[in-house]
Amino acid sequence: MQALKSQLAALDPPIKHEIQSQGDNLLITLIDPARPARVSRTLNQTLVRNTALLYEVIRDAINELRAIGSLPAITADEIYPDD
């Protein structure tokens, strides 16, 4: 999750996030600090352990958030961590 936090902060513009535990699931909320826009995804433990799928779900959420603010979509290269 630290790698994800770093990638979200490195985006232009950066995206804030909140993570909440909901039993066996995690609720991640992505927030555009420049606009009153937010999107959420509920992630189960199987999804969290599948890094490639996790980043695809997060990228989809980021692109949904960016579309609200009329920003271009991001690519996989912009969200996948280098490690």
Protein backbone atom coordinates (compact mmCIF):
# COMPACT_ATOMS: atom_id res chain seq x y z
CA MET A 1 0.00 0.00 0.00
CA GLN A 2 2.96 2.34 0.53
CA ALA A 3 3.85 2.03 -3.17
CA LEU A 4 0.27 2.93 -4.08
CA LYS A 5 0.37 5.96 -1.77
CA SER A 6 3.58 7.15 -3.45
CA GLN A 7 2.14 6.67 -6.95
CA LEU A 8 -1.04 8.59 -6.11
CA ALA A 9 1.02 11.47 -4.70
CA ALA A 10 3.23 11.52 -7.82
CA LEU A 11 0.33 11.99 -10.25
CA ASP A 12 -0.26 15.40 -11.78
CA PRO A 13 -2.38 16.59 -10.09
CA PRO A 14 -1.82 14.41 -7.02
CA ILE A 15 -4.74 12.43 -5.65
CA LYS A 16 -5.53 12.13 -1.97
CA HIS A 17 -6.95 8.92 -0.59
CA GLU A 18 -8.60 7.40 2.46
CA ILE A 19 -8.53 3.71 3.35
CA GLN A 20 -11.04 2.20 5.75
CA SER A 21 -11.38 -1.35 6.97
CA GLN A 22 -14.82 -2.89 6.51
CA GLY A 23 -14.54 -6.35 8.01
CA ASP A 24 -12.53 -8.45 5.56
CA ASN A 25 -12.65 -5.70 2.92
CA LEU A 26 -10.91 -2.38 2.42
CA LEU A 27 -12.74 0.71 1.21
CA ILE A 28 -10.45 3.06 -0.70
CA THR A 29 -11.72 6.52 -1.52
CA LEU A 30 -9.81 8.66 -4.00
CA ILE A 31 -10.25 12.41 -3.63
CA ASP A 32 -9.44 15.18 -6.09
CA PRO A 33 -8.17 17.99 -3.83
CA ALA A 34 -8.87 20.63 -6.50
CA ARG A 35 -12.53 19.72 -7.02
CA PRO A 36 -15.40 18.38 -4.97
CA ALA A 37 -14.97 14.94 -6.53
CA ARG A 38 -14.38 11.51 -5.05
CA VAL A 39 -14.74 7.88 -6.07
CA SER A 40 -14.65 4.74 -3.94
CA ARG A 41 -13.88 1.08 -4.47
CA THR A 42 -14.38 -1.84 -2.08
CA LEU A 43 -11.45 -4.24 -2.26
CA ASN A 44 -11.58 -7.79 -0.94
CA GLN A 45 -8.45 -9.55 0.34
CA THR A 46 -8.08 -11.66 -2.81
CA LEU A 47 -8.00 -8.52 -4.93
CA VAL A 48 -5.53 -6.80 -2.60
CA ARG A 49 -3.14 -9.76 -2.93
CA ASN A 50 -3.35 -9.68 -6.75
CA THR A 51 -1.16 -6.64 -7.41
CA ALA A 52 -1.77 -6.42 -11.16
CA LEU A 53 -5.55 -6.57 -10.74
CA LEU A 54 -5.44 -4.18 -7.78
CA TYR A 55 -3.63 -1.56 -9.84
CA GLU A 56 -6.07 -2.04 -12.71
CA VAL A 57 -9.00 -1.37 -10.36
CA ILE A 58 -7.21 1.66 -8.89
CA ARG A 59 -6.35 2.99 -12.37
CA ASP A 60 -10.03 2.66 -13.35
CA ALA A 61 -11.03 4.62 -10.25
CA ILE A 62 -8.42 7.30 -10.97
CA ASN A 63 -9.65 7.66 -14.54
CA GLU A 64 -13.23 7.94 -13.32
CA LEU A 65 -12.14 10.69 -10.93
CA ARG A 66 -10.12 12.48 -13.61
CA ALA A 67 -13.08 12.35 -16.03
CA ILE A 68 -15.19 14.23 -13.49
CA GLY A 69 -12.59 17.02 -13.63
CA SER A 70 -12.11 16.87 -17.42
CA LEU A 71 -8.54 15.59 -17.09
CA PRO A 72 -6.98 13.05 -19.46
CA ALA A 73 -6.95 9.39 -18.46
CA ILE A 74 -3.77 7.87 -17.07
CA THR A 75 -1.99 4.82 -18.44
CA ALA A 76 -0.73 1.73 -16.65
CA ASP A 77 2.81 3.15 -16.75
CA GLU A 78 1.70 6.12 -14.66
CA ILE A 79 0.19 4.07 -11.81
CA TYR A 80 2.18 0.84 -11.61
CA PRO A 81 5.02 1.07 -9.09
CA ASP A 82 8.55 0.62 -10.36
CA ASP A 83 9.38 -2.09 -7.82
